[in-house]
Amino acid sequence: MNKQTEAKPLKSKGKVKQEIKEEEHSEENNKKSEMTTGLEAIVLFSQLGLTMALPILLGALGGHWIDGKLGTGMIFFILLLCMGIAGGIVGAYRQIMAVTKKKTLNK
């Protein structure tokens, strides 16, 4: 017998259907993981933005309010603004370290 006329073993219908389902399931998981990664990035950037902006904003507003009540010019505004900037940087650093630690543990 030559190679063209040799019969290949046929797969049963159940086996073929199972392979098709496995391929579809694999494709769905890939799409979900890509979407999850994108959403995680959006959430992380949003959290970082708020982590940086809120302490700065609260420090500036609080300092302005205290300066208005005490009549001290801009001393408390500048002091609390700087504290807000430092707090925002520290908070963002801690958040980034927590995320990177979680990512390395999952791998």
PDB file of N, CA and C in Angstrom:
ATOM      1  N   MET A   1       0.830  -1.196   0.000  1.00  0.00           N
ATOM      2  CA  MET A   1       0.000   0.000   0.000  1.00  0.00           C
ATOM      3  C   MET A   1       0.864   1.245   0.000  1.00  0.00           C
ATOM      4  N   ASN A   2       0.462   2.191  -0.794  1.00  0.00           N
ATOM      5  CA  ASN A   2       1.229   3.431  -0.762  1.00  0.00           C
ATOM      6  C   ASN A   2       0.635   4.381   0.275  1.00  0.00           C
ATOM      7  N   LYS A   3       1.308   5.485   0.493  1.00  0.00           N
ATOM      8  CA  LYS A   3       0.915   6.402   1.560  1.00  0.00           C
ATOM      9  C   LYS A   3      -0.439   7.052   1.317  1.00  0.00           C
ATOM     10  N   GLN A   4      -0.813   7.249   0.074  1.00  0.00           N
ATOM     11  CA  GLN A   4      -2.071   7.918  -0.218  1.00  0.00           C
ATOM     12  C   GLN A   4      -3.262   7.027   0.091  1.00  0.00           C
ATOM     13  N   THR A   5      -3.116   5.748  -0.019  1.00  0.00           N
ATOM     14  CA  THR A   5      -4.254   4.872   0.187  1.00  0.00           C
ATOM     15  C   THR A   5      -4.327   4.320   1.605  1.00  0.00           C
ATOM     16  N   GLU A   6      -3.341   4.617   2.456  1.00  0.00           N
ATOM     17  CA  GLU A   6      -3.391   4.126   3.831  1.00  0.00           C
ATOM     18  C   GLU A   6      -4.519   4.832   4.572  1.00  0.00           C
ATOM     19  N   ALA A   7      -5.239   4.095   5.328  1.00  0.00           N
ATOM     20  CA  ALA A   7      -6.364   4.653   6.075  1.00  0.00           C
ATOM     21  C   ALA A   7      -5.870   5.205   7.410  1.00  0.00           C
ATOM     22  N   LYS A   8      -6.345   6.413   7.740  1.00  0.00           N
ATOM     23  CA  LYS A   8      -6.020   7.013   9.026  1.00  0.00           C
ATOM     24  C   LYS A   8      -7.116   6.630   9.998  1.00  0.00           C
ATOM     25  N   PRO A   9      -6.747   6.427  11.260  1.00  0.00           N
ATOM     26  CA  PRO A   9      -7.790   6.101  12.227  1.00  0.00           C
ATOM     27  C   PRO A   9      -8.719   7.301  12.425  1.00  0.00           C
ATOM     28  N   LEU A  10      -9.996   7.053  12.444  1.00  0.00           N
ATOM     29  CA  LEU A  10     -10.985   8.110  12.597  1.00  0.00           C
ATOM     30  C   LEU A  10     -11.239   8.377  14.078  1.00  0.00           C
ATOM     31  N   LYS A  11     -11.496   9.635  14.383  1.00  0.00           N
ATOM     32  CA  LYS A  11     -11.847  10.007  15.747  1.00  0.00           C
ATOM     33  C   LYS A  11     -13.353   9.901  15.893  1.00  0.00           C
ATOM     34  N   SER A  12     -13.755   9.534  17.077  1.00  0.00           N
ATOM     35  CA  SER A  12     -15.190   9.460  17.313  1.00  0.00           C
ATOM     36  C   SER A  12     -15.763  10.879  17.388  1.00  0.00           C
ATOM     37  N   LYS A  13     -17.078  11.011  17.181  1.00  0.00           N
ATOM     38  CA  LYS A  13     -17.727  12.321  17.211  1.00  0.00           C
ATOM     39  C   LYS A  13     -17.572  12.972  18.584  1.00  0.00           C
ATOM     40  N   GLY A  14     -17.663  12.159  19.621  1.00  0.00           N
ATOM     41  CA  GLY A  14     -17.538  12.699  20.976  1.00  0.00           C
ATOM     42  C   GLY A  14     -16.167  13.300  21.227  1.00  0.00           C
ATOM     43  N   LYS A  15     -15.134  12.641  20.713  1.00  0.00           N
ATOM     44  CA  LYS A  15     -13.777  13.139  20.900  1.00  0.00           C
ATOM     45  C   LYS A  15     -13.569  14.443  20.137  1.00  0.00           C
ATOM     46  N   VAL A  16     -14.110  14.520  18.946  1.00  0.00           N
ATOM     47  CA  VAL A  16     -13.989  15.736  18.138  1.00  0.00           C
ATOM     48  C   VAL A  16     -14.708  16.896  18.825  1.00  0.00           C
ATOM     49  N   LYS A  17     -15.916  16.641  19.320  1.00  0.00           N
ATOM     50  CA  LYS A  17     -16.673  17.690  20.007  1.00  0.00           C
ATOM     51  C   LYS A  17     -15.935  18.155  21.261  1.00  0.00           C
ATOM     52  N   GLN A  18     -15.330  17.224  21.968  1.00  0.00           N
ATOM     53  CA  GLN A  18     -14.597  17.573  23.181  1.00  0.00           C
ATOM     54  C   GLN A  18     -13.388  18.452  22.847  1.00  0.00           C
ATOM     55  N   GLU A  19     -12.679  18.125  21.766  1.00  0.00           N
ATOM     56  CA  GLU A  19     -11.534  18.925  21.362  1.00  0.00           C
ATOM     57  C   GLU A  19     -11.962  20.332  20.950  1.00  0.00           C
ATOM     58  N   ILE A  20     -13.097  20.424  20.269  1.00  0.00           N
ATOM     59  CA  ILE A  20     -13.602  21.737  19.862  1.00  0.00           C
ATOM     60  C   ILE A  20     -13.967  22.568  21.092  1.00  0.00           C
ATOM     61  N   LYS A  21     -14.623  21.939  22.067  1.00  0.00           N
ATOM     62  CA  LYS A  21     -14.991  22.652  23.290  1.00  0.00           C
ATOM     63  C   LYS A  21     -13.751  23.126  24.035  1.00  0.00           C
ATOM     64  N   GLU A  22     -12.714  22.281  24.087  1.00  0.00           N
ATOM     65  CA  GLU A  22     -11.482  22.659  24.772  1.00  0.00           C
ATOM     66  C   GLU A  22     -10.818  23.852  24.087  1.00  0.00           C
ATOM     67  N   GLU A  23     -10.821  23.873  22.762  1.00  0.00           N
ATOM     68  CA  GLU A  23     -10.241  24.995  22.028  1.00  0.00           C
ATOM     69  C   GLU A  23     -11.026  26.279  22.286  1.00  0.00           C
ATOM     70  N   GLU A  24     -12.355  26.187  22.276  1.00  0.00           N
ATOM     71  CA  GLU A  24     -13.194  27.364  22.533  1.00  0.00           C
ATOM     72  C   GLU A  24     -12.964  27.877  23.949  1.00  0.00           C
ATOM     73  N   HIS A  25     -12.865  26.948  24.910  1.00  0.00           N
ATOM     74  CA  HIS A  25     -12.646  27.322  26.307  1.00  0.00           C
ATOM     75  C   HIS A  25     -11.292  28.018  26.459  1.00  0.00           C
ATOM     76  N   SER A  26     -10.288  27.504  25.765  1.00  0.00           N
ATOM     77  CA  SER A  26      -8.947  28.105  25.819  1.00  0.00           C
ATOM     78  C   SER A  26      -8.970  29.513  25.244  1.00  0.00           C
ATOM     79  N   GLU A  27      -9.674  29.719  24.125  1.00  0.00           N
ATOM     80  CA  GLU A  27      -9.770  31.040  23.514  1.00  0.00           C
ATOM     81  C   GLU A  27     -10.502  32.016  24.429  1.00  0.00           C
ATOM     82  N   GLU A  28     -11.561  31.555  25.100  1.00  0.00           N
ATOM     83  CA  GLU A  28     -12.299  32.407  26.033  1.00  0.00           C
ATOM     84  C   GLU A  28     -11.408  32.831  27.190  1.00  0.00           C
ATOM     85  N   ASN A  29     -10.619  31.895  27.726  1.00  0.00           N
ATOM     86  CA  ASN A  29      -9.724  32.230  28.832  1.00  0.00           C
ATOM     87  C   ASN A  29      -8.691  33.262  28.406  1.00  0.00           C
ATOM     88  N   ASN A  30      -8.156  33.138  27.190  1.00  0.00           N
ATOM     89  CA  ASN A  30      -7.187  34.114  26.705  1.00  0.00           C
ATOM     90  C   ASN A  30      -7.812  35.494  26.593  1.00  0.00           C
ATOM     91  N   LYS A  31      -9.043  35.573  26.066  1.00  0.00           N
ATOM     92  CA  LYS A  31      -9.732  36.858  25.938  1.00  0.00           C
ATOM     93  C   LYS A  31     -10.005  37.458  27.310  1.00  0.00           C
ATOM     94  N   LYS A  32     -10.436  36.623  28.260  1.00  0.00           N
ATOM     95  CA  LYS A  32     -10.719  37.110  29.604  1.00  0.00           C
ATOM     96  C   LYS A  32      -9.456  37.623  30.276  1.00  0.00           C
ATOM     97  N   SER A  33      -8.342  36.904  30.114  1.00  0.00           N
ATOM     98  CA  SER A  33      -7.113  37.342  30.760  1.00  0.00           C
ATOM     99  C   SER A  33      -6.615  38.648  30.157  1.00  0.00           C
ATOM    100  N   GLU A  34      -6.771  38.829  28.836  1.00  0.00           N
ATOM    101  CA  GLU A  34      -6.379  40.087  28.209  1.00  0.00           C
ATOM    102  C   GLU A  34      -7.247  41.226  28.713  1.00  0.00           C
ATOM    103  N   MET A  35      -8.542  40.990  28.824  1.00  0.00           N
ATOM    104  CA  MET A  35      -9.457  42.018  29.291  1.00  0.00           C
ATOM    105  C   MET A  35      -9.179  42.338  30.758  1.00  0.00           C
ATOM    106  N   THR A  36      -8.926  41.313  31.565  1.00  0.00           N
ATOM    107  CA  THR A  36      -8.637  41.525  32.979  1.00  0.00           C
ATOM    108  C   THR A  36      -7.364  42.339  33.138  1.00  0.00           C
ATOM    109  N   THR A  37      -6.356  42.050  32.352  1.00  0.00           N
ATOM    110  CA  THR A  37      -5.114  42.796  32.432  1.00  0.00           C
ATOM    111  C   THR A  37      -5.346  44.263  32.094  1.00  0.00           C
ATOM    112  N   GLY A  38      -6.139  44.543  31.091  1.00  0.00           N
ATOM    113  CA  GLY A  38      -6.451  45.918  30.722  1.00  0.00           C
ATOM    114  C   GLY A  38      -7.224  46.639  31.810  1.00  0.00           C
ATOM    115  N   LEU A  39      -8.199  45.964  32.380  1.00  0.00           N
ATOM    116  CA  LEU A  39      -8.982  46.564  33.454  1.00  0.00           C
ATOM    117  C   LEU A  39      -8.123  46.794  34.692  1.00  0.00           C
ATOM    118  N   GLU A  40      -7.237  45.853  34.986  1.00  0.00           N
ATOM    119  CA  GLU A  40      -6.344  46.023  36.129  1.00  0.00           C
ATOM    120  C   GLU A  40      -5.462  47.253  35.949  1.00  0.00           C
ATOM    121  N   ALA A  41      -4.993  47.483  34.735  1.00  0.00           N
ATOM    122  CA  ALA A  41      -4.153  48.648  34.461  1.00  0.00           C
ATOM    123  C   ALA A  41      -4.942  49.939  34.661  1.00  0.00           C
ATOM    124  N   ILE A  42      -6.179  49.959  34.174  1.00  0.00           N
ATOM    125  CA  ILE A  42      -7.018  51.150  34.342  1.00  0.00           C
ATOM    126  C   ILE A  42      -7.276  51.418  35.816  1.00  0.00           C
ATOM    127  N   VAL A  43      -7.584  50.372  36.553  1.00  0.00           N
ATOM    128  CA  VAL A  43      -7.852  50.526  37.986  1.00  0.00           C
ATOM    129  C   VAL A  43      -6.603  51.011  38.714  1.00  0.00           C
ATOM    130  N   LEU A  44      -5.444  50.445  38.373  1.00  0.00           N
ATOM    131  CA  LEU A  44      -4.199  50.844  39.027  1.00  0.00           C
ATOM    132  C   LEU A  44      -3.897  52.317  38.773  1.00  0.00           C
ATOM    133  N   PHE A  45      -4.041  52.774  37.527  1.00  0.00           N
ATOM    134  CA  PHE A  45      -3.780  54.182  37.227  1.00  0.00           C
ATOM    135  C   PHE A  45      -4.776  55.097  37.939  1.00  0.00           C
ATOM    136  N   SER A  46      -6.018  54.670  38.032  1.00  0.00           N
ATOM    137  CA  SER A  46      -7.012  55.472  38.747  1.00  0.00           C
ATOM    138  C   SER A  46      -6.658  55.573  40.228  1.00  0.00           C
ATOM    139  N   GLN A  47      -6.284  54.448  40.813  1.00  0.00           N
ATOM    140  CA  GLN A  47      -5.913  54.447  42.226  1.00  0.00           C
ATOM    141  C   GLN A  47      -4.677  55.300  42.473  1.00  0.00           C
ATOM    142  N   LEU A  48      -3.697  55.192  41.585  1.00  0.00           N
ATOM    143  CA  LEU A  48      -2.491  56.005  41.751  1.00  0.00           C
ATOM    144  C   LEU A  48      -2.806  57.490  41.643  1.00  0.00           C
ATOM    145  N   GLY A  49      -3.667  57.835  40.706  1.00  0.00           N
ATOM    146  CA  GLY A  49      -4.051  59.235  40.564  1.00  0.00           C
ATOM    147  C   GLY A  49      -4.719  59.781  41.807  1.00  0.00           C
ATOM    148  N   LEU A  50      -5.652  59.010  42.343  1.00  0.00           N
ATOM    149  CA  LEU A  50      -6.335  59.449  43.563  1.00  0.00           C
ATOM    150  C   LEU A  50      -5.392  59.444  44.757  1.00  0.00           C
ATOM    151  N   THR A  51      -4.510  58.465  44.818  1.00  0.00           N
ATOM    152  CA  THR A  51      -3.553  58.389  45.918  1.00  0.00           C
ATOM    153  C   THR A  51      -2.631  59.605  45.919  1.00  0.00           C
ATOM    154  N   MET A  52      -2.297  60.100  44.746  1.00  0.00           N
ATOM    155  CA  MET A  52      -1.436  61.280  44.661  1.00  0.00           C
ATOM    156  C   MET A  52      -2.236  62.575  44.853  1.00  0.00           C
ATOM    157  N   ALA A  53      -3.395  62.665  44.239  1.00  0.00           N
ATOM    158  CA  ALA A  53      -4.129  63.929  44.191  1.00  0.00           C
ATOM    159  C   ALA A  53      -4.824  64.289  45.508  1.00  0.00           C
ATOM    160  N   LEU A  54      -5.416  63.306  46.164  1.00  0.00           N
ATOM    161  CA  LEU A  54      -6.196  63.632  47.365  1.00  0.00           C
ATOM    162  C   LEU A  54      -5.365  64.231  48.499  1.00  0.00           C
ATOM    163  N   PRO A  55      -4.235  63.649  48.871  1.00  0.00           N
ATOM    164  CA  PRO A  55      -3.459  64.290  49.944  1.00  0.00           C
ATOM    165  C   PRO A  55      -2.980  65.700  49.573  1.00  0.00           C
ATOM    166  N   ILE A  56      -2.616  65.888  48.316  1.00  0.00           N
ATOM    167  CA  ILE A  56      -2.163  67.212  47.884  1.00  0.00           C
ATOM    168  C   ILE A  56      -3.309  68.214  47.962  1.00  0.00           C
ATOM    169  N   LEU A  57      -4.455  67.820  47.456  1.00  0.00           N
ATOM    170  CA  LEU A  57      -5.618  68.702  47.473  1.00  0.00           C
ATOM    171  C   LEU A  57      -6.073  69.007  48.900  1.00  0.00           C
ATOM    172  N   LEU A  58      -6.154  67.980  49.718  1.00  0.00           N
ATOM    173  CA  LEU A  58      -6.573  68.188  51.108  1.00  0.00           C
ATOM    174  C   LEU A  58      -5.573  69.051  51.872  1.00  0.00           C
ATOM    175  N   GLY A  59      -4.286  68.847  51.617  1.00  0.00           N
ATOM    176  CA  GLY A  59      -3.274  69.677  52.270  1.00  0.00           C
ATOM    177  C   GLY A  59      -3.391  71.129  51.855  1.00  0.00           C
ATOM    178  N   ALA A  60      -3.573  71.357  50.563  1.00  0.00           N
ATOM    179  CA  ALA A  60      -3.689  72.735  50.074  1.00  0.00           C
ATOM    180  C   ALA A  60      -4.945  73.411  50.622  1.00  0.00           C
ATOM    181  N   LEU A  61      -6.063  72.696  50.566  1.00  0.00           N
ATOM    182  CA  LEU A  61      -7.310  73.285  51.073  1.00  0.00           C
ATOM    183  C   LEU A  61      -7.254  73.512  52.582  1.00  0.00           C
ATOM    184  N   GLY A  62      -6.718  72.540  53.298  1.00  0.00           N
ATOM    185  CA  GLY A  62      -6.600  72.688  54.756  1.00  0.00           C
ATOM    186  C   GLY A  62      -5.675  73.834  55.129  1.00  0.00           C
ATOM    187  N   GLY A  63      -4.543  73.934  54.437  1.00  0.00           N
ATOM    188  CA  GLY A  63      -3.611  75.024  54.719  1.00  0.00           C
ATOM    189  C   GLY A  63      -4.210  76.383  54.396  1.00  0.00           C
ATOM    190  N   HIS A  64      -4.927  76.470  53.299  1.00  0.00           N
ATOM    191  CA  HIS A  64      -5.583  77.736  52.937  1.00  0.00           C
ATOM    192  C   HIS A  64      -6.622  78.121  53.983  1.00  0.00           C
ATOM    193  N   TRP A  65      -7.383  77.149  54.454  1.00  0.00           N
ATOM    194  CA  TRP A  65      -8.414  77.415  55.459  1.00  0.00           C
ATOM    195  C   TRP A  65      -7.783  77.876  56.772  1.00  0.00           C
ATOM    196  N   ILE A  66      -6.732  77.181  57.205  1.00  0.00           N
ATOM    197  CA  ILE A  66      -6.064  77.564  58.468  1.00  0.00           C
ATOM    198  C   ILE A  66      -5.450  78.963  58.343  1.00  0.00           C
ATOM    199  N   ASP A  67      -4.807  79.222  57.204  1.00  0.00           N
ATOM    200  CA  ASP A  67      -4.225  80.558  56.992  1.00  0.00           C
ATOM    201  C   ASP A  67      -5.301  81.632  57.010  1.00  0.00           C
ATOM    202  N   GLY A  68      -6.458  81.335  56.465  1.00  0.00           N
ATOM    203  CA  GLY A  68      -7.557  82.299  56.482  1.00  0.00           C
ATOM    204  C   GLY A  68      -8.063  82.553  57.884  1.00  0.00           C
ATOM    205  N   LYS A  69      -8.138  81.517  58.703  1.00  0.00           N
ATOM    206  CA  LYS A  69      -8.634  81.664  60.076  1.00  0.00           C
ATOM    207  C   LYS A  69      -7.623  82.380  60.967  1.00  0.00           C
ATOM    208  N   LEU A  70      -6.334  82.073  60.770  1.00  0.00           N
ATOM    209  CA  LEU A  70      -5.318  82.647  61.643  1.00  0.00           C
ATOM    210  C   LEU A  70      -4.675  83.913  61.078  1.00  0.00           C
ATOM    211  N   GLY A  71      -4.911  84.170  59.788  1.00  0.00           N
ATOM    212  CA  GLY A  71      -4.316  85.347  59.163  1.00  0.00           C
ATOM    213  C   GLY A  71      -2.800  85.250  59.059  1.00  0.00           C
ATOM    214  N   THR A  72      -2.296  84.077  58.755  1.00  0.00           N
ATOM    215  CA  THR A  72      -0.844  83.858  58.736  1.00  0.00           C
ATOM    216  C   THR A  72      -0.239  83.900  57.342  1.00  0.00           C
ATOM    217  N   GLY A  73      -0.896  84.446  56.378  1.00  0.00           N
ATOM    218  CA  GLY A  73      -0.344  84.518  55.024  1.00  0.00           C
ATOM    219  C   GLY A  73      -0.471  83.164  54.333  1.00  0.00           C
ATOM    220  N   MET A  74       0.668  82.603  53.918  1.00  0.00           N
ATOM    221  CA  MET A  74       0.639  81.320  53.209  1.00  0.00           C
ATOM    222  C   MET A  74       1.477  80.248  53.899  1.00  0.00           C
ATOM    223  N   ILE A  75       1.775  80.442  55.161  1.00  0.00           N
ATOM    224  CA  ILE A  75       2.656  79.505  55.864  1.00  0.00           C
ATOM    225  C   ILE A  75       2.041  78.114  55.929  1.00  0.00           C
ATOM    226  N   PHE A  76       0.825  77.994  56.419  1.00  0.00           N
ATOM    227  CA  PHE A  76       0.198  76.681  56.560  1.00  0.00           C
ATOM    228  C   PHE A  76      -0.173  76.085  55.201  1.00  0.00           C
ATOM    229  N   PHE A  77      -0.506  76.953  54.263  1.00  0.00           N
ATOM    230  CA  PHE A  77      -0.787  76.461  52.909  1.00  0.00           C
ATOM    231  C   PHE A  77       0.427  75.736  52.349  1.00  0.00           C
ATOM    232  N   ILE A  78       1.584  76.389  52.403  1.00  0.00           N
ATOM    233  CA  ILE A  78       2.815  75.787  51.859  1.00  0.00           C
ATOM    234  C   ILE A  78       3.214  74.560  52.671  1.00  0.00           C
ATOM    235  N   LEU A  79       3.127  74.652  53.988  1.00  0.00           N
ATOM    236  CA  LEU A  79       3.513  73.533  54.860  1.00  0.00           C
ATOM    237  C   LEU A  79       2.645  72.302  54.596  1.00  0.00           C
ATOM    238  N   LEU A  80       1.340  72.482  54.597  1.00  0.00           N
ATOM    239  CA  LEU A  80       0.446  71.343  54.383  1.00  0.00           C
ATOM    240  C   LEU A  80       0.455  70.860  52.932  1.00  0.00           C
ATOM    241  N   LEU A  81       0.709  71.756  51.992  1.00  0.00           N
ATOM    242  CA  LEU A  81       0.850  71.340  50.601  1.00  0.00           C
ATOM    243  C   LEU A  81       2.056  70.418  50.449  1.00  0.00           C
ATOM    244  N   CYS A  82       3.183  70.804  51.049  1.00  0.00           N
ATOM    245  CA  CYS A  82       4.383  69.954  50.991  1.00  0.00           C
ATOM    246  C   CYS A  82       4.148  68.611  51.679  1.00  0.00           C
ATOM    247  N   MET A  83       3.445  68.647  52.795  1.00  0.00           N
ATOM    248  CA  MET A  83       3.128  67.384  53.488  1.00  0.00           C
ATOM    249  C   MET A  83       2.210  66.518  52.625  1.00  0.00           C
ATOM    250  N   GLY A  84       1.279  67.145  51.927  1.00  0.00           N
ATOM    251  CA  GLY A  84       0.393  66.403  51.030  1.00  0.00           C
ATOM    252  C   GLY A  84       1.146  65.783  49.869  1.00  0.00           C
ATOM    253  N   ILE A  85       2.108  66.520  49.318  1.00  0.00           N
ATOM    254  CA  ILE A  85       2.920  65.987  48.225  1.00  0.00           C
ATOM    255  C   ILE A  85       3.725  64.791  48.717  1.00  0.00           C
ATOM    256  N   ALA A  86       4.354  64.939  49.877  1.00  0.00           N
ATOM    257  CA  ALA A  86       5.129  63.829  50.436  1.00  0.00           C
ATOM    258  C   ALA A  86       4.231  62.628  50.729  1.00  0.00           C
ATOM    259  N   GLY A  87       3.077  62.890  51.298  1.00  0.00           N
ATOM    260  CA  GLY A  87       2.142  61.795  51.592  1.00  0.00           C
ATOM    261  C   GLY A  87       1.654  61.104  50.332  1.00  0.00           C
ATOM    262  N   GLY A  88       1.405  61.864  49.287  1.00  0.00           N
ATOM    263  CA  GLY A  88       0.978  61.277  48.014  1.00  0.00           C
ATOM    264  C   GLY A  88       2.050  60.404  47.395  1.00  0.00           C
ATOM    265  N   ILE A  89       3.294  60.864  47.467  1.00  0.00           N
ATOM    266  CA  ILE A  89       4.402  60.085  46.911  1.00  0.00           C
ATOM    267  C   ILE A  89       4.596  58.792  47.694  1.00  0.00           C
ATOM    268  N   VAL A  90       4.555  58.882  49.010  1.00  0.00           N
ATOM    269  CA  VAL A  90       4.721  57.688  49.842  1.00  0.00           C
ATOM    270  C   VAL A  90       3.574  56.705  49.611  1.00  0.00           C
ATOM    271  N   GLY A  91       2.363  57.216  49.539  1.00  0.00           N
ATOM    272  CA  GLY A  91       1.204  56.349  49.291  1.00  0.00           C
ATOM    273  C   GLY A  91       1.279  55.656  47.943  1.00  0.00           C
ATOM    274  N   ALA A  92       1.681  56.393  46.911  1.00  0.00           N
ATOM    275  CA  ALA A  92       1.813  55.806  45.576  1.00  0.00           C
ATOM    276  C   ALA A  92       2.918  54.761  45.553  1.00  0.00           C
ATOM    277  N   TYR A  93       4.030  55.046  46.214  1.00  0.00           N
ATOM    278  CA  TYR A  93       5.135  54.081  46.280  1.00  0.00           C
ATOM    279  C   TYR A  93       4.683  52.784  46.953  1.00  0.00           C
ATOM    280  N   ARG A  94       3.996  52.923  48.067  1.00  0.00           N
ATOM    281  CA  ARG A  94       3.506  51.725  48.774  1.00  0.00           C
ATOM    282  C   ARG A  94       2.525  50.932  47.923  1.00  0.00           C
ATOM    283  N   GLN A  95       1.677  51.625  47.213  1.00  0.00           N
ATOM    284  CA  GLN A  95       0.700  50.955  46.363  1.00  0.00           C
ATOM    285  C   GLN A  95       1.391  50.216  45.217  1.00  0.00           C
ATOM    286  N   ILE A  96       2.361  50.845  44.596  1.00  0.00           N
ATOM    287  CA  ILE A  96       3.095  50.198  43.507  1.00  0.00           C
ATOM    288  C   ILE A  96       3.842  48.973  44.024  1.00  0.00           C
ATOM    289  N   MET A  97       4.462  49.095  45.189  1.00  0.00           N
ATOM    290  CA  MET A  97       5.193  47.956  45.763  1.00  0.00           C
ATOM    291  C   MET A  97       4.242  46.804  46.085  1.00  0.00           C
ATOM    292  N   ALA A  98       3.044  47.102  46.578  1.00  0.00           N
ATOM    293  CA  ALA A  98       2.075  46.052  46.883  1.00  0.00           C
ATOM    294  C   ALA A  98       1.629  45.328  45.615  1.00  0.00           C
ATOM    295  N   VAL A  99       1.415  46.083  44.546  1.00  0.00           N
ATOM    296  CA  VAL A  99       0.976  45.483  43.286  1.00  0.00           C
ATOM    297  C   VAL A  99       2.085  44.625  42.674  1.00  0.00           C
ATOM    298  N   THR A 100       3.305  45.134  42.672  1.00  0.00           N
ATOM    299  CA  THR A 100       4.406  44.359  42.102  1.00  0.00           C
ATOM    300  C   THR A 100       4.699  43.126  42.927  1.00  0.00           C
ATOM    301  N   LYS A 101       4.545  43.212  44.242  1.00  0.00           N
ATOM    302  CA  LYS A 101       4.739  42.037  45.090  1.00  0.00           C
ATOM    303  C   LYS A 101       3.689  40.981  44.803  1.00  0.00           C
ATOM    304  N   LYS A 102       2.443  41.433  44.626  1.00  0.00           N
ATOM    305  CA  LYS A 102       1.359  40.508  44.319  1.00  0.00           C
ATOM    306  C   LYS A 102       1.588  39.827  42.965  1.00  0.00           C
ATOM    307  N   LYS A 103       2.049  40.605  41.986  1.00  0.00           N
ATOM    308  CA  LYS A 103       2.307  40.052  40.652  1.00  0.00           C
ATOM    309  C   LYS A 103       3.418  39.009  40.690  1.00  0.00           C
ATOM    310  N   THR A 104       4.490  39.273  41.461  1.00  0.00           N
ATOM    311  CA  THR A 104       5.591  38.303  41.512  1.00  0.00           C
ATOM    312  C   THR A 104       5.187  37.058  42.274  1.00  0.00           C
ATOM    313  N   LEU A 105       4.308  37.178  43.245  1.00  0.00           N
ATOM    314  CA  LEU A 105       3.835  35.993  43.977  1.00  0.00           C
ATOM    315  C   LEU A 105       2.930  35.122  43.109  1.00  0.00           C
ATOM    316  N   ASN A 106       2.167  35.738  42.209  1.00  0.00           N
ATOM    317  CA  ASN A 106       1.253  34.987  41.338  1.00  0.00           C
ATOM    318  C   ASN A 106       1.981  34.239  40.237  1.00  0.00           C
ATOM    319  N   LYS A 107       3.190  34.659  39.907  1.00  0.00           N
ATOM    320  CA  LYS A 107       3.933  33.993  38.812  1.00  0.00           C
ATOM    321  C   LYS A 107       4.652  32.801  39.275  1.00  0.00           C
TER     322      LYS A 107
END
